[in-house]
PDB file of all heavy atoms in Angstrom:
ATOM      1  N   GLN A   1    -101.996  12.671  96.128  1.00  0.00           N
ATOM      2  CA  GLN A   1    -103.403  13.072  96.071  1.00  0.00           C
ATOM      3  C   GLN A   1    -104.333  11.873  96.189  1.00  0.00           C
ATOM      4  O   GLN A   1    -105.398  11.952  96.809  1.00  0.00           O
ATOM      5  CB  GLN A   1    -103.673  13.820  94.756  1.00  0.00           C
ATOM      6  CG  GLN A   1    -103.027  15.192  94.687  1.00  0.00           C
ATOM      7  CD  GLN A   1    -103.061  15.782  93.281  1.00  0.00           C
ATOM      8  OE1 GLN A   1    -103.589  15.175  92.348  1.00  0.00           O
ATOM      9  NE2 GLN A   1    -102.484  16.969  93.124  1.00  0.00           N
ATOM     10  N   ARG A   2    -103.916  10.743  95.611  1.00  0.00           N
ATOM     11  CA  ARG A   2    -104.766   9.553  95.608  1.00  0.00           C
ATOM     12  C   ARG A   2    -104.623   8.751  96.910  1.00  0.00           C
ATOM     13  O   ARG A   2    -105.626   8.251  97.454  1.00  0.00           O
ATOM     14  CB  ARG A   2    -104.397   8.678  94.408  1.00  0.00           C
ATOM     15  CG  ARG A   2    -105.161   7.367  94.305  1.00  0.00           C
ATOM     16  CD  ARG A   2    -106.622   7.581  93.983  1.00  0.00           C
ATOM     17  NE  ARG A   2    -107.308   6.305  93.798  1.00  0.00           N
ATOM     18  CZ  ARG A   2    -107.520   5.733  92.619  1.00  0.00           C
ATOM     19  NH1 ARG A   2    -107.126   6.339  91.507  1.00  0.00           N
ATOM     20  NH2 ARG A   2    -108.145   4.581  92.532  1.00  0.00           N
ATOM     21  N   PHE A   3    -103.392   8.638  97.406  1.00  0.00           N
ATOM     22  CA  PHE A   3    -103.130   7.815  98.593  1.00  0.00           C
ATOM     23  C   PHE A   3    -102.705   8.734  99.737  1.00  0.00           C
ATOM     24  O   PHE A   3    -101.512   9.014  99.919  1.00  0.00           O
ATOM     25  CB  PHE A   3    -102.065   6.764  98.277  1.00  0.00           C
ATOM     26  CG  PHE A   3    -102.405   5.915  97.082  1.00  0.00           C
ATOM     27  CD1 PHE A   3    -101.831   6.172  95.847  1.00  0.00           C
ATOM     28  CD2 PHE A   3    -103.332   4.886  97.184  1.00  0.00           C
ATOM     29  CE1 PHE A   3    -102.157   5.404  94.736  1.00  0.00           C
ATOM     30  CE2 PHE A   3    -103.669   4.113  96.078  1.00  0.00           C
ATOM     31  CZ  PHE A   3    -103.083   4.379  94.845  1.00  0.00           C
ATOM     32  N   ARG A   4    -103.671   9.197 100.477  1.00  0.00           N
ATOM     33  CA  ARG A   4    -103.454  10.237 101.489  1.00  0.00           C
ATOM     34  C   ARG A   4    -102.528   9.786 102.615  1.00  0.00           C
ATOM     35  O   ARG A   4    -101.852  10.611 103.248  1.00  0.00           O
ATOM     36  CB  ARG A   4    -104.804  10.665 102.081  1.00  0.00           C
ATOM     37  CG  ARG A   4    -105.793  11.225 101.057  1.00  0.00           C
ATOM     38  CD  ARG A   4    -105.370  12.601 100.587  1.00  0.00           C
ATOM     39  NE  ARG A   4    -106.343  13.175  99.659  1.00  0.00           N
ATOM     40  CZ  ARG A   4    -106.207  14.373  99.118  1.00  0.00           C
ATOM     41  NH1 ARG A   4    -105.160  15.109  99.413  1.00  0.00           N
ATOM     42  NH2 ARG A   4    -107.122  14.827  98.275  1.00  0.00           N
ATOM     43  N   ASN A   5    -102.513   8.490 102.900  1.00  0.00           N
ATOM     44  CA  ASN A   5    -101.688   7.983 104.007  1.00  0.00           C
ATOM     45  C   ASN A   5    -100.242   7.713 103.592  1.00  0.00           C
ATOM     46  O   ASN A   5     -99.450   7.235 104.395  1.00  0.00           O
ATOM     47  CB  ASN A   5    -102.298   6.689 104.567  1.00  0.00           C
ATOM     48  CG  ASN A   5    -103.649   6.930 105.221  1.00  0.00           C
ATOM     49  OD1 ASN A   5    -103.884   7.992 105.790  1.00  0.00           O
ATOM     50  ND2 ASN A   5    -104.538   5.944 105.125  1.00  0.00           N
ATOM     51  N   SER A   6     -99.925   7.989 102.345  1.00  0.00           N
ATOM     52  CA  SER A   6     -98.586   7.679 101.842  1.00  0.00           C
ATOM     53  C   SER A   6     -97.564   8.736 102.258  1.00  0.00           C
ATOM     54  O   SER A   6     -97.906   9.850 102.646  1.00  0.00           O
ATOM     55  CB  SER A   6     -98.616   7.564 100.316  1.00  0.00           C
ATOM     56  OG  SER A   6     -98.922   8.822  99.738  1.00  0.00           O
ATOM     57  N   LYS A   7     -96.307   8.338 102.179  1.00  0.00           N
ATOM     58  CA  LYS A   7     -95.183   9.243 102.415  1.00  0.00           C
ATOM     59  C   LYS A   7     -94.309   9.260 101.168  1.00  0.00           C
ATOM     60  O   LYS A   7     -94.079   8.232 100.528  1.00  0.00           O
ATOM     61  CB  LYS A   7     -94.350   8.794 103.619  1.00  0.00           C
ATOM     62  CG  LYS A   7     -95.109   8.802 104.948  1.00  0.00           C
ATOM     63  CD  LYS A   7     -95.439  10.216 105.382  1.00  0.00           C
ATOM     64  CE  LYS A   7     -96.110  10.220 106.758  1.00  0.00           C
ATOM     65  NZ  LYS A   7     -96.458  11.605 107.188  1.00  0.00           N
ATOM     66  N   ILE A   8     -93.803  10.447 100.842  1.00  0.00           N
ATOM     67  CA  ILE A   8     -92.953  10.628  99.656  1.00  0.00           C
ATOM     68  C   ILE A   8     -91.533  10.927 100.098  1.00  0.00           C
ATOM     69  O   ILE A   8     -91.292  11.811 100.928  1.00  0.00           O
ATOM     70  CB  ILE A   8     -93.458  11.782  98.764  1.00  0.00           C
ATOM     71  CG1 ILE A   8     -94.932  11.580  98.391  1.00  0.00           C
ATOM     72  CG2 ILE A   8     -92.579  11.911  97.526  1.00  0.00           C
ATOM     73  CD1 ILE A   8     -95.212  10.392  97.524  1.00  0.00           C
ATOM     74  N   ILE A   9     -90.610  10.180  99.539  1.00  0.00           N
ATOM     75  CA  ILE A   9     -89.190  10.394  99.835  1.00  0.00           C
ATOM     76  C   ILE A   9     -88.431  10.413  98.512  1.00  0.00           C
ATOM     77  O   ILE A   9     -88.810   9.724  97.564  1.00  0.00           O
ATOM     78  CB  ILE A   9     -88.668   9.282 100.779  1.00  0.00           C
ATOM     79  CG1 ILE A   9     -87.252   9.572 101.251  1.00  0.00           C
ATOM     80  CG2 ILE A   9     -88.751   7.918 100.133  1.00  0.00           C
ATOM     81  CD1 ILE A   9     -86.813   8.662 102.385  1.00  0.00           C
ATOM     82  N   VAL A  10     -87.398  11.231  98.428  1.00  0.00           N
ATOM     83  CA  VAL A  10     -86.595  11.288  97.201  1.00  0.00           C
ATOM     84  C   VAL A  10     -85.120  11.336  97.569  1.00  0.00           C
ATOM     85  O   VAL A  10     -84.731  11.987  98.538  1.00  0.00           O
ATOM     86  CB  VAL A  10     -86.974  12.513  96.326  1.00  0.00           C
ATOM     87  CG1 VAL A  10     -86.709  13.826  97.049  1.00  0.00           C
ATOM     88  CG2 VAL A  10     -86.223  12.488  94.991  1.00  0.00           C
ATOM     89  N   THR A  11     -84.332  10.606  96.809  1.00  0.00           N
ATOM     90  CA  THR A  11     -82.877  10.669  96.948  1.00  0.00           C
ATOM     91  C   THR A  11     -82.326  11.567  95.847  1.00  0.00           C
ATOM     92  O   THR A  11     -82.639  11.382  94.670  1.00  0.00           O
ATOM     93  CB  THR A  11     -82.234   9.272  96.843  1.00  0.00           C
ATOM     94  OG1 THR A  11     -82.725   8.458  97.912  1.00  0.00           O
ATOM     95  CG2 THR A  11     -80.715   9.364  96.939  1.00  0.00           C
ATOM     96  N   ILE A  12     -81.520  12.552  96.238  1.00  0.00           N
ATOM     97  CA  ILE A  12     -80.900  13.465  95.269  1.00  0.00           C
ATOM     98  C   ILE A  12     -79.582  12.858  94.793  1.00  0.00           C
ATOM     99  O   ILE A  12     -78.579  12.847  95.512  1.00  0.00           O
ATOM    100  CB  ILE A  12     -80.624  14.853  95.889  1.00  0.00           C
ATOM    101  CG1 ILE A  12     -81.901  15.460  96.473  1.00  0.00           C
ATOM    102  CG2 ILE A  12     -80.012  15.787  94.838  1.00  0.00           C
ATOM    103  CD1 ILE A  12     -82.944  15.797  95.458  1.00  0.00           C
ATOM    104  N   HIS A  13     -79.589  12.328  93.578  1.00  0.00           N
ATOM    105  CA  HIS A  13     -78.368  11.755  92.999  1.00  0.00           C
ATOM    106  C   HIS A  13     -77.577  12.796  92.215  1.00  0.00           C
ATOM    107  O   HIS A  13     -76.363  12.661  92.049  1.00  0.00           O
ATOM    108  CB  HIS A  13     -78.720  10.588  92.084  1.00  0.00           C
ATOM    109  CG  HIS A  13     -79.349   9.431  92.795  1.00  0.00           C
ATOM    110  ND1 HIS A  13     -78.614   8.470  93.459  1.00  0.00           N
ATOM    111  CD2 HIS A  13     -80.649   9.095  92.968  1.00  0.00           C
ATOM    112  CE1 HIS A  13     -79.433   7.578  93.999  1.00  0.00           C
ATOM    113  NE2 HIS A  13     -80.673   7.942  93.718  1.00  0.00           N
ATOM    114  N   TYR A  14     -78.261  13.805  91.737  1.00  0.00           N
ATOM    115  CA  TYR A  14     -77.590  14.864  90.970  1.00  0.00           C
ATOM    116  C   TYR A  14     -78.552  16.025  90.765  1.00  0.00           C
ATOM    117  O   TYR A  14     -79.769  15.870  90.855  1.00  0.00           O
ATOM    118  CB  TYR A  14     -77.112  14.350  89.604  1.00  0.00           C
ATOM    119  CG  TYR A  14     -78.228  13.882  88.696  1.00  0.00           C
ATOM    120  CD1 TYR A  14     -78.870  14.765  87.834  1.00  0.00           C
ATOM    121  CD2 TYR A  14     -78.640  12.549  88.702  1.00  0.00           C
ATOM    122  CE1 TYR A  14     -79.901  14.343  87.011  1.00  0.00           C
ATOM    123  CE2 TYR A  14     -79.676  12.111  87.881  1.00  0.00           C
ATOM    124  CZ  TYR A  14     -80.301  13.012  87.039  1.00  0.00           C
ATOM    125  OH  TYR A  14     -81.322  12.595  86.231  1.00  0.00           O
ATOM    126  N   PHE A  15     -77.993  17.195  90.521  1.00  0.00           N
ATOM    127  CA  PHE A  15     -78.733  18.332  89.982  1.00  0.00           C
ATOM    128  C   PHE A  15     -78.245  18.521  88.552  1.00  0.00           C
ATOM    129  O   PHE A  15     -77.034  18.505  88.301  1.00  0.00           O
ATOM    130  CB  PHE A  15     -78.450  19.612  90.779  1.00  0.00           C
ATOM    131  CG  PHE A  15     -78.992  19.610  92.181  1.00  0.00           C
ATOM    132  CD1 PHE A  15     -78.131  19.637  93.267  1.00  0.00           C
ATOM    133  CD2 PHE A  15     -80.355  19.585  92.425  1.00  0.00           C
ATOM    134  CE1 PHE A  15     -78.612  19.645  94.561  1.00  0.00           C
ATOM    135  CE2 PHE A  15     -80.855  19.591  93.711  1.00  0.00           C
ATOM    136  CZ  PHE A  15     -79.987  19.618  94.790  1.00  0.00           C
ATOM    137  N   ASN A  16     -79.144  18.723  87.618  1.00  0.00           N
ATOM    138  CA  ASN A  16     -78.726  18.891  86.216  1.00  0.00           C
ATOM    139  C   ASN A  16     -77.747  20.041  86.040  1.00  0.00           C
ATOM    140  O   ASN A  16     -76.800  19.963  85.251  1.00  0.00           O
ATOM    141  CB  ASN A  16     -79.954  19.110  85.324  1.00  0.00           C
ATOM    142  CG  ASN A  16     -80.678  17.815  85.005  1.00  0.00           C
ATOM    143  OD1 ASN A  16     -80.088  16.739  85.041  1.00  0.00           O
ATOM    144  ND2 ASN A  16     -81.964  17.910  84.701  1.00  0.00           N
ATOM    145  N   TRP A  17     -77.970  21.130  86.787  1.00  0.00           N
ATOM    146  CA  TRP A  17     -77.110  22.295  86.603  1.00  0.00           C
ATOM    147  C   TRP A  17     -75.662  22.002  87.004  1.00  0.00           C
ATOM    148  O   TRP A  17     -74.737  22.630  86.475  1.00  0.00           O
ATOM    149  CB  TRP A  17     -77.640  23.505  87.380  1.00  0.00           C
ATOM    150  CG  TRP A  17     -77.694  23.359  88.880  1.00  0.00           C
ATOM    151  CD1 TRP A  17     -78.782  23.037  89.634  1.00  0.00           C
ATOM    152  CD2 TRP A  17     -76.614  23.567  89.805  1.00  0.00           C
ATOM    153  NE1 TRP A  17     -78.458  23.011  90.971  1.00  0.00           N
ATOM    154  CE2 TRP A  17     -77.130  23.342  91.098  1.00  0.00           C
ATOM    155  CE3 TRP A  17     -75.273  23.916  89.668  1.00  0.00           C
ATOM    156  CZ2 TRP A  17     -76.351  23.441  92.246  1.00  0.00           C
ATOM    157  CZ3 TRP A  17     -74.488  24.014  90.807  1.00  0.00           C
ATOM    158  CH2 TRP A  17     -75.027  23.777  92.075  1.00  0.00           C
ATOM    159  N   CYS A  18     -75.454  21.053  87.903  1.00  0.00           N
ATOM    160  CA  CYS A  18     -74.082  20.726  88.325  1.00  0.00           C
ATOM    161  C   CYS A  18     -73.251  20.218  87.151  1.00  0.00           C
ATOM    162  O   CYS A  18     -72.093  20.612  86.972  1.00  0.00           O
ATOM    163  CB  CYS A  18     -74.109  19.677  89.433  1.00  0.00           C
ATOM    164  SG  CYS A  18     -74.494  20.338  91.057  1.00  0.00           S
ATOM    165  N   SER A  19     -73.852  19.352  86.359  1.00  0.00           N
ATOM    166  CA  SER A  19     -73.138  18.846  85.182  1.00  0.00           C
ATOM    167  C   SER A  19     -73.009  19.919  84.113  1.00  0.00           C
ATOM    168  O   SER A  19     -71.949  20.110  83.526  1.00  0.00           O
ATOM    169  CB  SER A  19     -73.873  17.628  84.609  1.00  0.00           C
ATOM    170  OG  SER A  19     -73.872  16.563  85.517  1.00  0.00           O
ATOM    171  N   THR A  20     -74.110  20.635  83.881  1.00  0.00           N
ATOM    172  CA  THR A  20     -74.122  21.667  82.836  1.00  0.00           C
ATOM    173  C   THR A  20     -73.096  22.754  83.108  1.00  0.00           C
ATOM    174  O   THR A  20     -72.415  23.231  82.191  1.00  0.00           O
ATOM    175  CB  THR A  20     -75.523  22.305  82.732  1.00  0.00           C
ATOM    176  OG1 THR A  20     -76.496  21.276  82.544  1.00  0.00           O
ATOM    177  CG2 THR A  20     -75.586  23.279  81.574  1.00  0.00           C
ATOM    178  N   LEU A  21     -72.962  23.147  84.378  1.00  0.00           N
ATOM    179  CA  LEU A  21     -72.037  24.220  84.761  1.00  0.00           C
ATOM    180  C   LEU A  21     -70.719  23.685  85.284  1.00  0.00           C
ATOM    181  O   LEU A  21     -69.932  24.422  85.869  1.00  0.00           O
ATOM    182  CB  LEU A  21     -72.695  25.106  85.834  1.00  0.00           C
ATOM    183  CG  LEU A  21     -74.039  25.731  85.487  1.00  0.00           C
ATOM    184  CD1 LEU A  21     -74.551  26.582  86.652  1.00  0.00           C
ATOM    185  CD2 LEU A  21     -73.932  26.577  84.220  1.00  0.00           C
ATOM    186  N   GLN A  22     -70.457  22.399  85.061  1.00  0.00           N
ATOM    187  CA  GLN A  22     -69.235  21.745  85.532  1.00  0.00           C
ATOM    188  C   GLN A  22     -68.998  21.997  87.023  1.00  0.00           C
ATOM    189  O   GLN A  22     -67.873  22.231  87.469  1.00  0.00           O
ATOM    190  CB  GLN A  22     -68.018  22.191  84.713  1.00  0.00           C
ATOM    191  CG  GLN A  22     -68.065  21.711  83.265  1.00  0.00           C
ATOM    192  CD  GLN A  22     -66.745  21.861  82.545  1.00  0.00           C
ATOM    193  OE1 GLN A  22     -65.914  22.685  82.916  1.00  0.00           O
ATOM    194  NE2 GLN A  22     -66.542  21.069  81.518  1.00  0.00           N
ATOM    195  N   GLY A  23     -70.085  21.912  87.783  1.00  0.00           N
ATOM    196  CA  GLY A  23     -69.972  22.010  89.229  1.00  0.00           C
ATOM    197  C   GLY A  23     -69.743  23.393  89.785  1.00  0.00           C
ATOM    198  O   GLY A  23     -69.424  23.540  90.975  1.00  0.00           O
ATOM    199  N   SER A  24     -69.898  24.429  88.970  1.00  0.00           N
ATOM    200  CA  SER A  24     -69.625  25.788  89.426  1.00  0.00           C
ATOM    201  C   SER A  24     -70.797  26.337  90.244  1.00  0.00           C
ATOM    202  O   SER A  24     -71.805  26.785  89.692  1.00  0.00           O
ATOM    203  CB  SER A  24     -69.351  26.713  88.237  1.00  0.00           C
ATOM    204  OG  SER A  24     -69.179  28.051  88.686  1.00  0.00           O
ATOM    205  N   ILE A  25     -70.642  26.335  91.555  1.00  0.00           N
ATOM    206  CA  ILE A  25     -71.685  26.866  92.436  1.00  0.00           C
ATOM    207  C   ILE A  25     -71.772  28.384  92.291  1.00  0.00           C
ATOM    208  O   ILE A  25     -72.866  28.958  92.334  1.00  0.00           O
ATOM    209  CB  ILE A  25     -71.401  26.470  93.903  1.00  0.00           C
ATOM    210  CG1 ILE A  25     -71.482  24.946  94.061  1.00  0.00           C
ATOM    211  CG2 ILE A  25     -72.397  27.144  94.847  1.00  0.00           C
ATOM    212  CD1 ILE A  25     -71.135  24.445  95.441  1.00  0.00           C
ATOM    213  N   SER A  26     -70.641  29.053  92.092  1.00  0.00           N
ATOM    214  CA  SER A  26     -70.649  30.515  91.975  1.00  0.00           C
ATOM    215  C   SER A  26     -71.423  30.958  90.735  1.00  0.00           C
ATOM    216  O   SER A  26     -72.173  31.947  90.777  1.00  0.00           O
ATOM    217  CB  SER A  26     -69.217  31.060  91.934  1.00  0.00           C
ATOM    218  OG  SER A  26     -68.522  30.594  90.797  1.00  0.00           O
ATOM    219  N   TYR A  27     -71.258  30.231  89.619  1.00  0.00           N
ATOM    220  CA  TYR A  27     -72.016  30.567  88.406  1.00  0.00           C
ATOM    221  C   TYR A  27     -73.502  30.314  88.633  1.00  0.00           C
ATOM    222  O   TYR A  27     -74.358  31.108  88.241  1.00  0.00           O
ATOM    223  CB  TYR A  27     -71.494  29.753  87.223  1.00  0.00           C
ATOM    224  CG  TYR A  27     -72.044  30.171  85.871  1.00  0.00           C
ATOM    225  CD1 TYR A  27     -72.755  31.368  85.702  1.00  0.00           C
ATOM    226  CD2 TYR A  27     -71.854  29.372  84.751  1.00  0.00           C
ATOM    227  CE1 TYR A  27     -73.247  31.746  84.462  1.00  0.00           C
ATOM    228  CE2 TYR A  27     -72.347  29.739  83.510  1.00  0.00           C
ATOM    229  CZ  TYR A  27     -73.055  30.930  83.370  1.00  0.00           C
ATOM    230  OH  TYR A  27     -73.546  31.291  82.143  1.00  0.00           O
ATOM    231  N   PHE A  28     -73.814  29.208  89.278  1.00  0.00           N
ATOM    232  CA  PHE A  28     -75.207  28.887  89.590  1.00  0.00           C
ATOM    233  C   PHE A  28     -75.839  30.009  90.417  1.00  0.00           C
ATOM    234  O   PHE A  28     -76.942  30.471  90.122  1.00  0.00           O
ATOM    235  CB  PHE A  28     -75.264  27.556  90.344  1.00  0.00           C
ATOM    236  CG  PHE A  28     -76.614  27.193  90.884  1.00  0.00           C
ATOM    237  CD1 PHE A  28     -77.673  26.922  90.032  1.00  0.00           C
ATOM    238  CD2 PHE A  28     -76.834  27.120  92.253  1.00  0.00           C
ATOM    239  CE1 PHE A  28     -78.929  26.585  90.529  1.00  0.00           C
ATOM    240  CE2 PHE A  28     -78.076  26.785  92.756  1.00  0.00           C
ATOM    241  CZ  PHE A  28     -79.133  26.513  91.897  1.00  0.00           C
ATOM    242  N   CYS A  29     -75.125  30.452  91.441  1.00  0.00           N
ATOM    243  CA  CYS A  29     -75.637  31.535  92.293  1.00  0.00           C
ATOM    244  C   CYS A  29     -75.831  32.824  91.504  1.00  0.00           C
ATOM    245  O   CYS A  29     -76.826  33.542  91.695  1.00  0.00           O
ATOM    246  CB  CYS A  29     -74.686  31.781  93.457  1.00  0.00           C
ATOM    247  SG  CYS A  29     -74.628  30.428  94.648  1.00  0.00           S
ATOM    248  N   SER A  30     -74.892  33.130  90.616  1.00  0.00           N
ATOM    249  CA  SER A  30     -75.006  34.365  89.837  1.00  0.00           C
ATOM    250  C   SER A  30     -76.243  34.335  88.938  1.00  0.00           C
ATOM    251  O   SER A  30     -76.883  35.365  88.705  1.00  0.00           O
ATOM    252  CB  SER A  30     -73.748  34.588  88.992  1.00  0.00           C
ATOM    253  OG  SER A  30     -73.675  33.681  87.902  1.00  0.00           O
ATOM    254  N   ILE A  31     -76.590  33.142  88.438  1.00  0.00           N
ATOM    255  CA  ILE A  31     -77.803  33.001  87.617  1.00  0.00           C
ATOM    256  C   ILE A  31     -79.046  33.287  88.450  1.00  0.00           C
ATOM    257  O   ILE A  31     -79.972  33.973  88.010  1.00  0.00           O
ATOM    258  CB  ILE A  31     -77.872  31.584  87.004  1.00  0.00           C
ATOM    259  CG1 ILE A  31     -76.765  31.396  85.967  1.00  0.00           C
ATOM    260  CG2 ILE A  31     -79.248  31.332  86.366  1.00  0.00           C
ATOM    261  CD1 ILE A  31     -76.634  29.983  85.438  1.00  0.00           C
ATOM    262  N   LEU A  32     -79.065  32.777  89.682  1.00  0.00           N
ATOM    263  CA  LEU A  32     -80.218  32.992  90.557  1.00  0.00           C
ATOM    264  C   LEU A  32     -80.375  34.469  90.913  1.00  0.00           C
ATOM    265  O   LEU A  32     -81.501  34.967  91.039  1.00  0.00           O
ATOM    266  CB  LEU A  32     -80.080  32.167  91.842  1.00  0.00           C
ATOM    267  CG  LEU A  32     -79.961  30.641  91.698  1.00  0.00           C
ATOM    268  CD1 LEU A  32     -80.045  29.984  93.073  1.00  0.00           C
ATOM    269  CD2 LEU A  32     -81.025  30.078  90.773  1.00  0.00           C
ATOM    270  N   TRP A  33     -79.260  35.162  91.081  1.00  0.00           N
ATOM    271  CA  TRP A  33     -79.302  36.556  91.551  1.00  0.00           C
ATOM    272  C   TRP A  33     -79.556  37.559  90.431  1.00  0.00           C
ATOM    273  O   TRP A  33     -79.922  38.706  90.684  1.00  0.00           O
ATOM    274  CB  TRP A  33     -77.990  36.901  92.255  1.00  0.00           C
ATOM    275  CG  TRP A  33     -77.781  36.104  93.518  1.00  0.00           C
ATOM    276  CD1 TRP A  33     -78.751  35.593  94.332  1.00  0.00           C
ATOM    277  CD2 TRP A  33     -76.537  35.721  94.096  1.00  0.00           C
ATOM    278  NE1 TRP A  33     -78.179  34.909  95.388  1.00  0.00           N
ATOM    279  CE2 TRP A  33     -76.811  34.979  95.268  1.00  0.00           C
ATOM    280  CE3 TRP A  33     -75.206  35.928  93.742  1.00  0.00           C
ATOM    281  CZ2 TRP A  33     -75.826  34.446  96.087  1.00  0.00           C
ATOM    282  CZ3 TRP A  33     -74.208  35.399  94.556  1.00  0.00           C
ATOM    283  CH2 TRP A  33     -74.524  34.673  95.714  1.00  0.00           C
ATOM    284  N   LYS A  34     -79.352  37.134  89.184  1.00  0.00           N
ATOM    285  CA  LYS A  34     -79.519  38.058  88.066  1.00  0.00           C
ATOM    286  C   LYS A  34     -80.979  38.465  87.892  1.00  0.00           C
ATOM    287  O   LYS A  34     -81.897  37.697  88.176  1.00  0.00           O
ATOM    288  CB  LYS A  34     -79.034  37.416  86.761  1.00  0.00           C
ATOM    289  CG  LYS A  34     -77.526  37.404  86.581  1.00  0.00           C
ATOM    290  CD  LYS A  34     -77.159  36.791  85.238  1.00  0.00           C
ATOM    291  CE  LYS A  34     -75.641  36.801  85.038  1.00  0.00           C
ATOM    292  NZ  LYS A  34     -75.265  36.201  83.735  1.00  0.00           N
ATOM    293  N   ASP A  35     -81.159  39.668  87.385  1.00  0.00           N
ATOM    294  CA  ASP A  35     -82.490  40.097  86.978  1.00  0.00           C
ATOM    295  C   ASP A  35     -82.904  39.292  85.753  1.00  0.00           C
ATOM    296  O   ASP A  35     -82.054  38.873  84.957  1.00  0.00           O
ATOM    297  CB  ASP A  35     -82.474  41.594  86.641  1.00  0.00           C
ATOM    298  CG  ASP A  35     -83.854  42.128  86.315  1.00  0.00           C
ATOM    299  OD1 ASP A  35     -84.595  42.486  87.251  1.00  0.00           O
ATOM    300  OD2 ASP A  35     -84.186  42.169  85.117  1.00  0.00           O
ATOM    301  N   VAL A  36     -84.200  39.071  85.591  1.00  0.00           N
ATOM    302  CA  VAL A  36     -84.702  38.246  84.506  1.00  0.00           C
ATOM    303  C   VAL A  36     -84.203  38.727  83.143  1.00  0.00           C
ATOM    304  O   VAL A  36     -83.941  37.926  82.234  1.00  0.00           O
ATOM    305  CB  VAL A  36     -86.256  38.187  84.541  1.00  0.00           C
ATOM    306  CG1 VAL A  36     -86.866  39.579  84.341  1.00  0.00           C
ATOM    307  CG2 VAL A  36     -86.771  37.213  83.487  1.00  0.00           C
ATOM    308  N   LYS A  37     -84.049  40.048  82.965  1.00  0.00           N
ATOM    309  CA  LYS A  37     -83.605  40.592  81.691  1.00  0.00           C
ATOM    310  C   LYS A  37     -82.115  40.373  81.443  1.00  0.00           C
ATOM    311  O   LYS A  37     -81.646  40.478  80.311  1.00  0.00           O
ATOM    312  CB  LYS A  37     -83.919  42.089  81.623  1.00  0.00           C
ATOM    313  CG  LYS A  37     -85.414  42.401  81.652  1.00  0.00           C
ATOM    314  CD  LYS A  37     -85.662  43.901  81.603  1.00  0.00           C
ATOM    315  CE  LYS A  37     -87.158  44.218  81.645  1.00  0.00           C
ATOM    316  NZ  LYS A  37     -87.411  45.683  81.626  1.00  0.00           N
ATOM    317  N   GLU A  38     -81.379  40.061  82.503  1.00  0.00           N
ATOM    318  CA  GLU A  38     -79.933  39.879  82.371  1.00  0.00           C
ATOM    319  C   GLU A  38     -79.545  38.450  81.983  1.00  0.00           C
ATOM    320  O   GLU A  38     -78.425  38.210  81.532  1.00  0.00           O
ATOM    321  CB  GLU A  38     -79.243  40.237  83.695  1.00  0.00           C
ATOM    322  CG  GLU A  38     -79.387  41.701  84.091  1.00  0.00           C
ATOM    323  CD  GLU A  38     -78.751  41.982  85.436  1.00  0.00           C
ATOM    324  OE1 GLU A  38     -78.776  41.068  86.301  1.00  0.00           O
ATOM    325  OE2 GLU A  38     -78.220  43.089  85.621  1.00  0.00           O
ATOM    326  N   ARG A  39     -80.466  37.507  82.150  1.00  0.00           N
ATOM    327  CA  ARG A  39     -80.156  36.112  81.848  1.00  0.00           C
ATOM    328  C   ARG A  39     -80.291  35.836  80.352  1.00  0.00           C
ATOM    329  O   ARG A  39     -81.278  36.221  79.724  1.00  0.00           O
ATOM    330  CB  ARG A  39     -81.099  35.165  82.606  1.00  0.00           C
ATOM    331  CG  ARG A  39     -81.020  35.257  84.106  1.00  0.00           C
ATOM    332  CD  ARG A  39     -81.845  34.145  84.762  1.00  0.00           C
ATOM    333  NE  ARG A  39     -82.026  34.449  86.178  1.00  0.00           N
ATOM    334  CZ  ARG A  39     -83.149  34.921  86.702  1.00  0.00           C
ATOM    335  NH1 ARG A  39     -84.212  35.106  85.919  1.00  0.00           N
ATOM    336  NH2 ARG A  39     -83.233  35.198  87.988  1.00  0.00           N
ATOM    337  N   ASN A  40     -79.279  35.145  79.792  1.00  0.00           N
ATOM    338  CA  ASN A  40     -79.404  34.695  78.411  1.00  0.00           C
ATOM    339  C   ASN A  40     -80.281  33.436  78.388  1.00  0.00           C
ATOM    340  O   ASN A  40     -80.717  32.952  79.441  1.00  0.00           O
ATOM    341  CB  ASN A  40     -78.030  34.448  77.774  1.00  0.00           C
ATOM    342  CG  ASN A  40     -77.201  33.428  78.564  1.00  0.00           C
ATOM    343  OD1 ASN A  40     -77.743  32.452  79.093  1.00  0.00           O
ATOM    344  ND2 ASN A  40     -75.891  33.650  78.637  1.00  0.00           N
ATOM    345  N   SER A  41     -80.548  32.890  77.219  1.00  0.00           N
ATOM    346  CA  SER A  41     -81.466  31.749  77.106  1.00  0.00           C
ATOM    347  C   SER A  41     -80.941  30.523  77.856  1.00  0.00           C
ATOM    348  O   SER A  41     -81.719  29.781  78.467  1.00  0.00           O
ATOM    349  CB  SER A  41     -81.698  31.406  75.634  1.00  0.00           C
ATOM    350  OG  SER A  41     -80.473  31.094  74.983  1.00  0.00           O
TER     351      SER A  41
END
C-alpha cells in the first residue's frame, strides 16, 4: 500500500496443517469439504 512500485514474493517453506496432520492430504481435504457444523474445534 505504501510502496506502489514494489513487488511481493514469498517462499513456501511449510504449511502449518502439514505438521499438525502429519502430512495427511486426505484429512486436510476432508476438513475443507466438511460443512461448518461438522468440523470440531
